Amino acid sequence: MNDINVFILIICLFLFSFCESKRTSHPHQKRPHQSLNLPTGPYIQVLGIAQDAGFPQIACKKDCCKEAWKDASIRKQVSCLGLIQPDTKKAWLFDATPSIKTQVQELEKENELAGVFLTHAHMGHYTGLMHLGREALGANAVPVYAMPRMDTFLRTNGPWSQLVKLNNIDLQTLASGESVRFDESLSVTPLQVPHRDEYSETVGYYILGPQKSALFIPDIDKWHLWEQDIKEWIAKVDYALLDGSFYKNGEIPGRDMSLIPHPFMEESMRLFADLPFKERQKIIFIHFNHTNPVLNEKSTEYREVVEAGYQIAKEGQLLEL
């Protein structure tokens, strides 16, 4: 074989290898769990990290939102978790958000939606249920887990009551501290927390897997108002996904922030500052208002949080249980 033929053969082999690589790495192609490097046991997937109204927020013309209006790649979905059980191909949502369409789409790439756990009746946490109704999915008896007041609110107020009447959703009433068990190694326990409870109670969730556990509290008024000790809970779990709505007081000019109480991230970091570094690493802040500077990974505030040993939730983040 002469040099020219050898050269042509090498070029052909290179092109074939390149095309094959592109074909097998297509981002929308379904592949087995191993090739996606997904956990083989139960795990949590972060499906959204923004406060109820998402990021950017409606009508926001402030500097915090300008780039997000221009660049869709830096926009964020509303705070939401997925709990996935690979062996049964079942998945549960934690909150039905305004971003539910894309969040369910992400979950159902490999699994089937088996239910929704609601935290409370603020817009970012339950209004996505409308997509289960006759105007959209027309779902059949999707289990929706809710506390007693939340249950009553959905049954007695339209349009949510229509979801119940048409059997689009099947309400399952929860009790604080009482677990919902899926099998001997996977359970979910609601924990009532203080918050603005105009229409319902507010809960966080303790998620217990075969090897690890997680605490999810996206909304709470202040840590010291909770009858339970947040530090004891951090010691108990492997992951603590906690309310990070606002970085500091005064973040929203012209608004009395005492009327929208949350533990500012600065407050939380002071509270947890005496914890060992390993314990602080468990803390993953989530549920960021559009004004929160940690939404920008290049910000000073983002760097301060990470350097202090805490984590900032990222969409797509996986937490093995």
C-alpha atoms as a PDB file:
ATOM      1  CA  MET A   1       0.000   0.000   0.000  1.00  0.00           C
ATOM      2  CA  ASN A   2       1.519   3.295  -1.058  1.00  0.00           C
ATOM      3  CA  ASP A   3       1.740   6.434   1.097  1.00  0.00           C
ATOM      4  CA  ILE A   4      -1.286   8.084  -0.544  1.00  0.00           C
ATOM      5  CA  ASN A   5      -3.498   5.083   0.139  1.00  0.00           C
ATOM      6  CA  VAL A   6      -2.323   4.919   3.747  1.00  0.00           C
ATOM      7  CA  PHE A   7      -3.105   8.605   4.194  1.00  0.00           C
ATOM      8  CA  ILE A   8      -6.609   8.165   2.737  1.00  0.00           C
ATOM      9  CA  LEU A   9      -7.261   5.160   5.006  1.00  0.00           C
ATOM     10  CA  ILE A  10      -6.226   7.135   8.090  1.00  0.00           C
ATOM     11  CA  ILE A  11      -8.519  10.009   7.145  1.00  0.00           C
ATOM     12  CA  CYS A  12     -11.455   7.607   6.604  1.00  0.00           C
ATOM     13  CA  LEU A  13     -10.891   5.920   9.970  1.00  0.00           C
ATOM     14  CA  PHE A  14     -10.729   9.313  11.696  1.00  0.00           C
ATOM     15  CA  LEU A  15     -13.983  10.491  10.115  1.00  0.00           C
ATOM     16  CA  PHE A  16     -15.746   7.229  10.994  1.00  0.00           C
ATOM     17  CA  SER A  17     -14.563   7.450  14.614  1.00  0.00           C
ATOM     18  CA  PHE A  18     -15.647  11.103  14.882  1.00  0.00           C
ATOM     19  CA  CYS A  19     -19.135  10.416  13.440  1.00  0.00           C
ATOM     20  CA  GLU A  20     -19.627   7.387  15.677  1.00  0.00           C
ATOM     21  CA  SER A  21     -18.636   9.442  18.717  1.00  0.00           C
ATOM     22  CA  LYS A  22     -21.146  12.163  17.823  1.00  0.00           C
ATOM     23  CA  ARG A  23     -23.881   9.572  17.248  1.00  0.00           C
ATOM     24  CA  THR A  24     -23.436   7.819  20.594  1.00  0.00           C
ATOM     25  CA  SER A  25     -23.185  11.073  22.580  1.00  0.00           C
ATOM     26  CA  HIS A  26     -26.361  12.703  21.248  1.00  0.00           C
ATOM     27  CA  PRO A  27     -27.836  14.609  24.250  1.00  0.00           C
ATOM     28  CA  HIS A  28     -31.411  13.460  23.594  1.00  0.00           C
ATOM     29  CA  GLN A  29     -30.667   9.787  23.047  1.00  0.00           C
ATOM     30  CA  LYS A  30     -31.934   7.489  25.811  1.00  0.00           C
ATOM     31  CA  ARG A  31     -29.175   5.405  27.287  1.00  0.00           C
ATOM     32  CA  PRO A  32     -28.875   2.932  30.174  1.00  0.00           C
ATOM     33  CA  HIS A  33     -28.250   4.278  33.681  1.00  0.00           C
ATOM     34  CA  GLN A  34     -24.630   3.113  33.656  1.00  0.00           C
ATOM     35  CA  SER A  35     -23.732   5.141  30.576  1.00  0.00           C
ATOM     36  CA  LEU A  36     -25.390   8.214  32.066  1.00  0.00           C
ATOM     37  CA  ASN A  37     -23.458   7.644  35.318  1.00  0.00           C
ATOM     38  CA  LEU A  38     -26.708   7.780  37.261  1.00  0.00           C
ATOM     39  CA  PRO A  39     -26.921   6.088  40.665  1.00  0.00           C
ATOM     40  CA  THR A  40     -28.294   2.557  40.603  1.00  0.00           C
ATOM     41  CA  GLY A  41     -30.041   3.055  43.947  1.00  0.00           C
ATOM     42  CA  PRO A  42     -32.527   5.770  45.046  1.00  0.00           C
ATOM     43  CA  TYR A  43     -31.364   9.339  44.572  1.00  0.00           C
ATOM     44  CA  ILE A  44     -32.497  12.968  44.608  1.00  0.00           C
ATOM     45  CA  GLN A  45     -32.222  15.214  41.559  1.00  0.00           C
ATOM     46  CA  VAL A  46     -32.368  18.991  41.905  1.00  0.00           C
ATOM     47  CA  LEU A  47     -34.867  20.154  39.269  1.00  0.00           C
ATOM     48  CA  GLY A  48     -35.048  23.851  40.150  1.00  0.00           C
ATOM     49  CA  ILE A  49     -33.375  26.313  42.514  1.00  0.00           C
ATOM     50  CA  ALA A  50     -35.229  29.652  42.184  1.00  0.00           C
ATOM     51  CA  GLN A  51     -37.883  31.189  44.418  1.00  0.00           C
ATOM     52  CA  ASP A  52     -41.567  30.794  43.462  1.00  0.00           C
ATOM     53  CA  ALA A  53     -41.492  33.217  40.511  1.00  0.00           C
ATOM     54  CA  GLY A  54     -38.342  31.792  38.915  1.00  0.00           C
ATOM     55  CA  PHE A  55     -35.324  33.627  37.542  1.00  0.00           C
ATOM     56  CA  PRO A  56     -35.576  36.098  35.938  1.00  0.00           C
ATOM     57  CA  GLN A  57     -38.779  37.296  37.568  1.00  0.00           C
ATOM     58  CA  ILE A  58     -41.721  38.850  35.749  1.00  0.00           C
ATOM     59  CA  ALA A  59     -41.275  42.537  34.826  1.00  0.00           C
ATOM     60  CA  CYS A  60     -37.847  42.654  36.457  1.00  0.00           C
ATOM     61  CA  LYS A  61     -35.687  45.298  34.790  1.00  0.00           C
ATOM     62  CA  LYS A  62     -33.029  45.345  37.501  1.00  0.00           C
ATOM     63  CA  ASP A  63     -29.405  44.473  36.885  1.00  0.00           C
ATOM     64  CA  CYS A  64     -29.925  41.082  38.573  1.00  0.00           C
ATOM     65  CA  CYS A  65     -32.245  39.964  35.755  1.00  0.00           C
ATOM     66  CA  LYS A  66     -30.911  41.775  32.680  1.00  0.00           C
ATOM     67  CA  GLU A  67     -28.491  39.078  31.558  1.00  0.00           C
ATOM     68  CA  ALA A  68     -30.997  36.308  32.209  1.00  0.00           C
ATOM     69  CA  TRP A  69     -33.507  37.957  29.856  1.00  0.00           C
ATOM     70  CA  LYS A  70     -30.814  38.040  27.171  1.00  0.00           C
ATOM     71  CA  ASP A  71     -29.376  34.570  27.770  1.00  0.00           C
ATOM     72  CA  ALA A  72     -31.797  31.689  28.321  1.00  0.00           C
ATOM     73  CA  SER A  73     -28.957  29.419  29.438  1.00  0.00           C
ATOM     74  CA  ILE A  74     -28.607  31.226  32.776  1.00  0.00           C
ATOM     75  CA  ARG A  75     -32.310  31.229  33.644  1.00  0.00           C
ATOM     76  CA  LYS A  76     -33.398  29.053  36.564  1.00  0.00           C
ATOM     77  CA  GLN A  77     -36.433  26.849  37.184  1.00  0.00           C
ATOM     78  CA  VAL A  78     -38.527  27.137  40.331  1.00  0.00           C
ATOM     79  CA  SER A  79     -37.257  25.252  43.397  1.00  0.00           C
ATOM     80  CA  CYS A  80     -38.102  21.546  43.117  1.00  0.00           C
ATOM     81  CA  LEU A  81     -36.640  18.130  43.866  1.00  0.00           C
ATOM     82  CA  GLY A  82     -37.162  14.798  42.190  1.00  0.00           C
ATOM     83  CA  LEU A  83     -36.894  11.552  44.157  1.00  0.00           C
ATOM     84  CA  ILE A  84     -36.019   8.677  41.849  1.00  0.00           C
ATOM     85  CA  GLN A  85     -36.158   4.924  42.511  1.00  0.00           C
ATOM     86  CA  PRO A  86     -34.318   3.370  39.541  1.00  0.00           C
ATOM     87  CA  ASP A  87     -35.243  -0.276  40.172  1.00  0.00           C
ATOM     88  CA  THR A  88     -38.971   0.479  39.941  1.00  0.00           C
ATOM     89  CA  LYS A  89     -38.595   3.338  37.418  1.00  0.00           C
ATOM     90  CA  LYS A  90     -40.749   5.514  39.706  1.00  0.00           C
ATOM     91  CA  ALA A  91     -40.166   9.169  40.556  1.00  0.00           C
ATOM     92  CA  TRP A  92     -41.801  11.698  42.867  1.00  0.00           C
ATOM     93  CA  LEU A  93     -41.803  15.478  42.701  1.00  0.00           C
ATOM     94  CA  PHE A  94     -41.344  17.652  45.754  1.00  0.00           C
ATOM     95  CA  ASP A  95     -43.633  20.587  44.922  1.00  0.00           C
ATOM     96  CA  ALA A  96     -45.676  21.204  41.797  1.00  0.00           C
ATOM     97  CA  THR A  97     -44.100  24.392  40.515  1.00  0.00           C
ATOM     98  CA  PRO A  98     -44.807  26.775  37.624  1.00  0.00           C
ATOM     99  CA  SER A  99     -41.866  24.981  35.952  1.00  0.00           C
ATOM    100  CA  ILE A 100     -43.564  21.568  36.204  1.00  0.00           C
ATOM    101  CA  LYS A 101     -43.605  20.916  32.445  1.00  0.00           C
ATOM    102  CA  THR A 102     -39.856  20.838  32.048  1.00  0.00           C
ATOM    103  CA  GLN A 103     -39.343  19.238  35.466  1.00  0.00           C
ATOM    104  CA  VAL A 104     -41.638  16.297  34.671  1.00  0.00           C
ATOM    105  CA  GLN A 105     -40.001  16.030  31.242  1.00  0.00           C
ATOM    106  CA  GLU A 106     -36.626  15.680  32.953  1.00  0.00           C
ATOM    107  CA  LEU A 107     -37.927  13.069  35.407  1.00  0.00           C
ATOM    108  CA  GLU A 108     -39.682  11.007  32.773  1.00  0.00           C
ATOM    109  CA  LYS A 109     -36.631  10.586  30.549  1.00  0.00           C
ATOM    110  CA  GLU A 110     -36.043   7.368  32.457  1.00  0.00           C
ATOM    111  CA  ASN A 111     -38.915   7.069  34.940  1.00  0.00           C
ATOM    112  CA  GLU A 112     -42.653   7.464  35.503  1.00  0.00           C
ATOM    113  CA  LEU A 113     -44.183  10.151  37.714  1.00  0.00           C
ATOM    114  CA  ALA A 114     -45.562   8.297  40.748  1.00  0.00           C
ATOM    115  CA  GLY A 115     -46.693  11.216  42.886  1.00  0.00           C
ATOM    116  CA  VAL A 116     -46.201  14.765  44.162  1.00  0.00           C
ATOM    117  CA  PHE A 117     -45.356  15.908  47.698  1.00  0.00           C
ATOM    118  CA  LEU A 118     -46.499  19.474  48.436  1.00  0.00           C
ATOM    119  CA  THR A 119     -44.866  21.770  50.986  1.00  0.00           C
ATOM    120  CA  HIS A 120     -47.488  24.547  51.141  1.00  0.00           C
ATOM    121  CA  ALA A 121     -49.931  26.795  49.289  1.00  0.00           C
ATOM    122  CA  HIS A 122     -47.674  29.545  47.931  1.00  0.00           C
ATOM    123  CA  MET A 123     -47.581  30.002  44.181  1.00  0.00           C
ATOM    124  CA  GLY A 124     -44.259  28.313  43.480  1.00  0.00           C
ATOM    125  CA  HIS A 125     -45.144  25.145  45.340  1.00  0.00           C
ATOM    126  CA  TYR A 126     -48.535  23.913  44.164  1.00  0.00           C
ATOM    127  CA  THR A 127     -49.827  25.857  41.150  1.00  0.00           C
ATOM    128  CA  GLY A 128     -48.146  23.467  38.721  1.00  0.00           C
ATOM    129  CA  LEU A 129     -50.931  21.019  39.582  1.00  0.00           C
ATOM    130  CA  MET A 130     -53.026  22.799  36.920  1.00  0.00           C
ATOM    131  CA  HIS A 131     -51.010  20.964  34.268  1.00  0.00           C
ATOM    132  CA  LEU A 132     -52.437  17.650  35.506  1.00  0.00           C
ATOM    133  CA  GLY A 133     -55.983  18.779  34.590  1.00  0.00           C
ATOM    134  CA  ARG A 134     -58.180  18.357  31.541  1.00  0.00           C
ATOM    135  CA  GLU A 135     -56.717  21.358  29.710  1.00  0.00           C
ATOM    136  CA  ALA A 136     -53.267  19.731  29.699  1.00  0.00           C
ATOM    137  CA  LEU A 137     -52.207  16.213  30.766  1.00  0.00           C
ATOM    138  CA  GLY A 138     -55.633  14.943  31.830  1.00  0.00           C
ATOM    139  CA  ALA A 139     -53.856  12.772  34.385  1.00  0.00           C
ATOM    140  CA  ASN A 140     -55.421   9.742  36.027  1.00  0.00           C
ATOM    141  CA  ALA A 141     -55.282   9.707  39.835  1.00  0.00           C
ATOM    142  CA  VAL A 142     -51.750  11.025  40.377  1.00  0.00           C
ATOM    143  CA  PRO A 143     -51.110  10.720  44.145  1.00  0.00           C
ATOM    144  CA  VAL A 144     -50.694  14.173  45.674  1.00  0.00           C
ATOM    145  CA  TYR A 145     -49.456  14.170  49.265  1.00  0.00           C
ATOM    146  CA  ALA A 146     -50.608  17.149  51.334  1.00  0.00           C
ATOM    147  CA  MET A 147     -51.133  18.220  54.933  1.00  0.00           C
ATOM    148  CA  PRO A 148     -54.741  18.525  56.239  1.00  0.00           C
ATOM    149  CA  ARG A 149     -55.270  22.252  55.562  1.00  0.00           C
ATOM    150  CA  MET A 150     -53.587  21.950  52.178  1.00  0.00           C
ATOM    151  CA  ASP A 151     -55.824  18.964  51.409  1.00  0.00           C
ATOM    152  CA  THR A 152     -58.945  20.939  52.343  1.00  0.00           C
ATOM    153  CA  PHE A 153     -57.773  23.969  50.349  1.00  0.00           C
ATOM    154  CA  LEU A 154     -57.412  21.877  47.196  1.00  0.00           C
ATOM    155  CA  ARG A 155     -60.748  20.129  47.662  1.00  0.00           C
ATOM    156  CA  THR A 156     -62.754  23.289  48.291  1.00  0.00           C
ATOM    157  CA  ASN A 157     -61.228  25.878  45.940  1.00  0.00           C
ATOM    158  CA  GLY A 158     -61.361  25.970  42.163  1.00  0.00           C
ATOM    159  CA  PRO A 159     -59.682  25.175  39.888  1.00  0.00           C
ATOM    160  CA  TRP A 160     -57.980  22.642  42.163  1.00  0.00           C
ATOM    161  CA  SER A 161     -61.281  21.097  43.241  1.00  0.00           C
ATOM    162  CA  GLN A 162     -61.889  20.140  39.608  1.00  0.00           C
ATOM    163  CA  LEU A 163     -58.704  18.089  39.640  1.00  0.00           C
ATOM    164  CA  VAL A 164     -60.169  16.133  42.549  1.00  0.00           C
ATOM    165  CA  LYS A 165     -63.636  15.844  40.990  1.00  0.00           C
ATOM    166  CA  LEU A 166     -62.250  14.544  37.673  1.00  0.00           C
ATOM    167  CA  ASN A 167     -59.867  12.194  39.470  1.00  0.00           C
ATOM    168  CA  ASN A 168     -56.825  13.850  37.902  1.00  0.00           C
ATOM    169  CA  ILE A 169     -55.242  13.805  41.345  1.00  0.00           C
ATOM    170  CA  ASP A 170     -55.690  11.448  44.280  1.00  0.00           C
ATOM    171  CA  LEU A 171     -55.146  13.388  47.498  1.00  0.00           C
ATOM    172  CA  GLN A 172     -53.224  11.567  50.231  1.00  0.00           C
ATOM    173  CA  THR A 173     -53.430  13.303  53.608  1.00  0.00           C
ATOM    174  CA  LEU A 174     -50.191  13.638  55.553  1.00  0.00           C
ATOM    175  CA  ALA A 175     -49.495  14.126  59.251  1.00  0.00           C
ATOM    176  CA  SER A 176     -46.381  15.860  60.545  1.00  0.00           C
ATOM    177  CA  GLY A 177     -43.849  13.305  61.743  1.00  0.00           C
ATOM    178  CA  GLU A 178     -45.623  10.321  60.162  1.00  0.00           C
ATOM    179  CA  SER A 179     -43.726   8.593  57.367  1.00  0.00           C
ATOM    180  CA  VAL A 180     -44.877   7.546  53.923  1.00  0.00           C
ATOM    181  CA  ARG A 181     -42.978   4.343  53.204  1.00  0.00           C
ATOM    182  CA  PHE A 182     -42.409   3.119  49.633  1.00  0.00           C
ATOM    183  CA  ASP A 183     -40.484   0.022  50.676  1.00  0.00           C
ATOM    184  CA  GLU A 184     -38.266  -1.122  53.542  1.00  0.00           C
ATOM    185  CA  SER A 185     -35.448   1.220  52.477  1.00  0.00           C
ATOM    186  CA  LEU A 186     -37.159   4.388  51.183  1.00  0.00           C
ATOM    187  CA  SER A 187     -39.495   6.708  53.067  1.00  0.00           C
ATOM    188  CA  VAL A 188     -40.603  10.342  53.233  1.00  0.00           C
ATOM    189  CA  THR A 189     -41.617  12.165  56.425  1.00  0.00           C
ATOM    190  CA  PRO A 190     -43.247  15.632  56.538  1.00  0.00           C
ATOM    191  CA  LEU A 191     -42.041  18.073  59.202  1.00  0.00           C
ATOM    192  CA  GLN A 192     -44.204  21.100  59.935  1.00  0.00           C
ATOM    193  CA  VAL A 193     -42.326  24.415  60.048  1.00  0.00           C
ATOM    194  CA  PRO A 194     -43.381  28.025  60.793  1.00  0.00           C
ATOM    195  CA  HIS A 195     -44.133  30.108  57.699  1.00  0.00           C
ATOM    196  CA  ARG A 196     -46.786  32.456  56.280  1.00  0.00           C
ATOM    197  CA  ASP A 197     -49.650  29.983  56.432  1.00  0.00           C
ATOM    198  CA  GLU A 198     -52.485  31.949  54.866  1.00  0.00           C
ATOM    199  CA  TYR A 199     -54.033  28.934  53.114  1.00  0.00           C
ATOM    200  CA  SER A 200     -52.210  25.876  54.424  1.00  0.00           C
ATOM    201  CA  GLU A 201     -49.588  24.555  56.768  1.00  0.00           C
ATOM    202  CA  THR A 202     -45.966  24.529  55.638  1.00  0.00           C
ATOM    203  CA  VAL A 203     -43.781  21.452  55.796  1.00  0.00           C
ATOM    204  CA  GLY A 204     -40.293  20.384  54.943  1.00  0.00           C
ATOM    205  CA  TYR A 205     -39.426  16.752  54.256  1.00  0.00           C
ATOM    206  CA  TYR A 206     -37.051  14.172  55.699  1.00  0.00           C
ATOM    207  CA  ILE A 207     -36.163  11.700  52.945  1.00  0.00           C
ATOM    208  CA  LEU A 208     -34.618   8.445  54.158  1.00  0.00           C
ATOM    209  CA  GLY A 209     -32.889   6.132  51.699  1.00  0.00           C
ATOM    210  CA  PRO A 210     -31.071   2.806  52.073  1.00  0.00           C
ATOM    211  CA  GLN A 211     -27.689   4.440  52.737  1.00  0.00           C
ATOM    212  CA  LYS A 212     -28.192   8.177  53.206  1.00  0.00           C
ATOM    213  CA  SER A 213     -30.828  10.756  54.100  1.00  0.00           C
ATOM    214  CA  ALA A 214     -31.801  14.318  53.223  1.00  0.00           C
ATOM    215  CA  LEU A 215     -33.677  17.227  54.765  1.00  0.00           C
ATOM    216  CA  PHE A 216     -35.554  19.570  52.428  1.00  0.00           C
ATOM    217  CA  ILE A 217     -36.862  22.872  53.857  1.00  0.00           C
ATOM    218  CA  PRO A 218     -37.261  25.425  51.041  1.00  0.00           C
ATOM    219  CA  ASP A 219     -39.379  27.842  53.128  1.00  0.00           C
ATOM    220  CA  ILE A 220     -39.309  28.719  56.813  1.00  0.00           C
ATOM    221  CA  ASP A 221     -39.712  32.003  58.701  1.00  0.00           C
ATOM    222  CA  LYS A 222     -36.646  31.870  60.977  1.00  0.00           C
ATOM    223  CA  TRP A 223     -34.703  28.919  62.357  1.00  0.00           C
ATOM    224  CA  HIS A 224     -35.188  29.958  65.986  1.00  0.00           C
ATOM    225  CA  LEU A 225     -38.976  29.933  65.551  1.00  0.00           C
ATOM    226  CA  TRP A 226     -39.002  26.226  64.724  1.00  0.00           C
ATOM    227  CA  GLU A 227     -39.687  23.959  67.673  1.00  0.00           C
ATOM    228  CA  GLN A 228     -36.981  21.592  66.428  1.00  0.00           C
ATOM    229  CA  ASP A 229     -33.234  22.228  66.401  1.00  0.00           C
ATOM    230  CA  ILE A 230     -31.930  22.667  62.864  1.00  0.00           C
ATOM    231  CA  LYS A 231     -28.383  21.851  63.973  1.00  0.00           C
ATOM    232  CA  GLU A 232     -29.539  18.487  65.330  1.00  0.00           C
ATOM    233  CA  TRP A 233     -31.183  17.778  61.993  1.00  0.00           C
ATOM    234  CA  ILE A 234     -28.007  18.681  60.103  1.00  0.00           C
ATOM    235  CA  ALA A 235     -26.104  16.226  62.304  1.00  0.00           C
ATOM    236  CA  LYS A 236     -28.683  13.534  61.542  1.00  0.00           C
ATOM    237  CA  VAL A 237     -28.757  13.772  57.730  1.00  0.00           C
ATOM    238  CA  ASP A 238     -26.265  13.568  54.874  1.00  0.00           C
ATOM    239  CA  TYR A 239     -27.764  16.472  52.903  1.00  0.00           C
ATOM    240  CA  ALA A 240     -29.619  19.538  54.188  1.00  0.00           C
ATOM    241  CA  LEU A 241     -31.309  21.497  51.374  1.00  0.00           C
ATOM    242  CA  LEU A 242     -32.273  24.697  53.165  1.00  0.00           C
ATOM    243  CA  ASP A 243     -34.045  27.997  52.549  1.00  0.00           C
ATOM    244  CA  GLY A 244     -31.662  30.412  50.861  1.00  0.00           C
ATOM    245  CA  SER A 245     -34.287  32.841  49.536  1.00  0.00           C
ATOM    246  CA  PHE A 246     -32.407  36.037  50.393  1.00  0.00           C
ATOM    247  CA  TYR A 247     -28.733  36.666  50.972  1.00  0.00           C
ATOM    248  CA  LYS A 248     -29.144  39.556  53.392  1.00  0.00           C
ATOM    249  CA  ASN A 249     -31.585  42.076  54.816  1.00  0.00           C
ATOM    250  CA  GLY A 250     -32.248  45.095  52.604  1.00  0.00           C
ATOM    251  CA  GLU A 251     -31.856  43.049  49.434  1.00  0.00           C
ATOM    252  CA  ILE A 252     -35.183  44.347  48.091  1.00  0.00           C
ATOM    253  CA  PRO A 253     -35.136  48.182  48.152  1.00  0.00           C
ATOM    254  CA  GLY A 254     -38.396  49.791  49.223  1.00  0.00           C
ATOM    255  CA  ARG A 255     -39.821  46.576  50.710  1.00  0.00           C
ATOM    256  CA  ASP A 256     -40.264  45.822  54.417  1.00  0.00           C
ATOM    257  CA  MET A 257     -38.540  42.446  54.470  1.00  0.00           C
ATOM    258  CA  SER A 258     -40.013  41.624  57.874  1.00  0.00           C
ATOM    259  CA  LEU A 259     -43.242  40.993  55.935  1.00  0.00           C
ATOM    260  CA  ILE A 260     -41.530  38.265  53.919  1.00  0.00           C
ATOM    261  CA  PRO A 261     -39.588  36.527  56.693  1.00  0.00           C
ATOM    262  CA  HIS A 262     -36.934  33.996  55.742  1.00  0.00           C
ATOM    263  CA  PRO A 263     -33.599  33.162  57.355  1.00  0.00           C
ATOM    264  CA  PHE A 264     -31.188  35.329  55.380  1.00  0.00           C
ATOM    265  CA  MET A 265     -28.217  33.312  54.174  1.00  0.00           C
ATOM    266  CA  GLU A 266     -25.921  35.600  56.173  1.00  0.00           C
ATOM    267  CA  GLU A 267     -27.931  34.700  59.308  1.00  0.00           C
ATOM    268  CA  SER A 268     -27.830  30.997  58.556  1.00  0.00           C
ATOM    269  CA  MET A 269     -24.084  31.045  57.941  1.00  0.00           C
ATOM    270  CA  ARG A 270     -23.530  32.804  61.267  1.00  0.00           C
ATOM    271  CA  LEU A 271     -25.741  30.229  62.999  1.00  0.00           C
ATOM    272  CA  PHE A 272     -23.868  27.317  61.447  1.00  0.00           C
ATOM    273  CA  ALA A 273     -20.381  28.861  61.634  1.00  0.00           C
ATOM    274  CA  ASP A 274     -19.416  26.781  64.688  1.00  0.00           C
ATOM    275  CA  LEU A 275     -20.205  23.499  62.947  1.00  0.00           C
ATOM    276  CA  PRO A 276     -17.241  21.418  61.747  1.00  0.00           C
ATOM    277  CA  PHE A 277     -16.389  21.880  58.061  1.00  0.00           C
ATOM    278  CA  LYS A 278     -17.719  18.390  57.276  1.00  0.00           C
ATOM    279  CA  GLU A 279     -21.105  19.339  58.729  1.00  0.00           C
ATOM    280  CA  ARG A 280     -21.232  22.652  56.869  1.00  0.00           C
ATOM    281  CA  GLN A 281     -20.571  20.740  53.644  1.00  0.00           C
ATOM    282  CA  LYS A 282     -23.928  18.999  54.119  1.00  0.00           C
ATOM    283  CA  ILE A 283     -25.774  22.315  53.816  1.00  0.00           C
ATOM    284  CA  ILE A 284     -27.026  23.054  50.304  1.00  0.00           C
ATOM    285  CA  PHE A 285     -28.836  26.383  49.987  1.00  0.00           C
ATOM    286  CA  ILE A 286     -31.805  26.446  47.591  1.00  0.00           C
ATOM    287  CA  HIS A 287     -34.941  28.521  46.700  1.00  0.00           C
ATOM    288  CA  PHE A 288     -33.161  31.746  45.662  1.00  0.00           C
ATOM    289  CA  ASN A 289     -35.079  34.953  45.036  1.00  0.00           C
ATOM    290  CA  HIS A 290     -34.218  36.690  41.761  1.00  0.00           C
ATOM    291  CA  THR A 291     -32.425  39.390  43.787  1.00  0.00           C
ATOM    292  CA  ASN A 292     -30.110  36.907  45.504  1.00  0.00           C
ATOM    293  CA  PRO A 293     -26.564  37.503  44.223  1.00  0.00           C
ATOM    294  CA  VAL A 294     -25.579  33.834  44.644  1.00  0.00           C
ATOM    295  CA  LEU A 295     -27.504  33.118  41.437  1.00  0.00           C
ATOM    296  CA  ASN A 296     -24.423  34.592  39.777  1.00  0.00           C
ATOM    297  CA  GLU A 297     -21.538  32.155  40.223  1.00  0.00           C
ATOM    298  CA  LYS A 298     -19.078  34.976  39.599  1.00  0.00           C
ATOM    299  CA  SER A 299     -20.409  37.112  42.459  1.00  0.00           C
ATOM    300  CA  THR A 300     -18.509  37.884  45.653  1.00  0.00           C
ATOM    301  CA  GLU A 301     -21.403  36.471  47.670  1.00  0.00           C
ATOM    302  CA  TYR A 302     -21.325  33.149  45.825  1.00  0.00           C
ATOM    303  CA  ARG A 303     -17.610  32.839  46.523  1.00  0.00           C
ATOM    304  CA  GLU A 304     -18.096  33.729  50.203  1.00  0.00           C
ATOM    305  CA  VAL A 305     -20.684  30.977  50.657  1.00  0.00           C
ATOM    306  CA  VAL A 306     -18.542  28.314  49.005  1.00  0.00           C
ATOM    307  CA  GLU A 307     -15.354  29.355  50.786  1.00  0.00           C
ATOM    308  CA  ALA A 308     -17.217  29.141  54.113  1.00  0.00           C
ATOM    309  CA  GLY A 309     -17.883  25.472  53.380  1.00  0.00           C
ATOM    310  CA  TYR A 310     -21.488  25.556  52.186  1.00  0.00           C
ATOM    311  CA  GLN A 311     -22.974  24.501  48.870  1.00  0.00           C
ATOM    312  CA  ILE A 312     -25.221  26.313  46.401  1.00  0.00           C
ATOM    313  CA  ALA A 313     -27.787  23.989  44.802  1.00  0.00           C
ATOM    314  CA  LYS A 314     -27.368  23.430  41.066  1.00  0.00           C
ATOM    315  CA  GLU A 315     -29.999  22.260  38.631  1.00  0.00           C
ATOM    316  CA  GLY A 316     -29.272  18.682  37.656  1.00  0.00           C
ATOM    317  CA  GLN A 317     -27.336  17.978  40.873  1.00  0.00           C
ATOM    318  CA  LEU A 318     -27.671  14.341  41.984  1.00  0.00           C
ATOM    319  CA  LEU A 319     -27.624  13.203  45.629  1.00  0.00           C
ATOM    320  CA  GLU A 320     -27.336   9.469  46.246  1.00  0.00           C
ATOM    321  CA  LEU A 321     -29.482   7.960  48.967  1.00  0.00           C
END
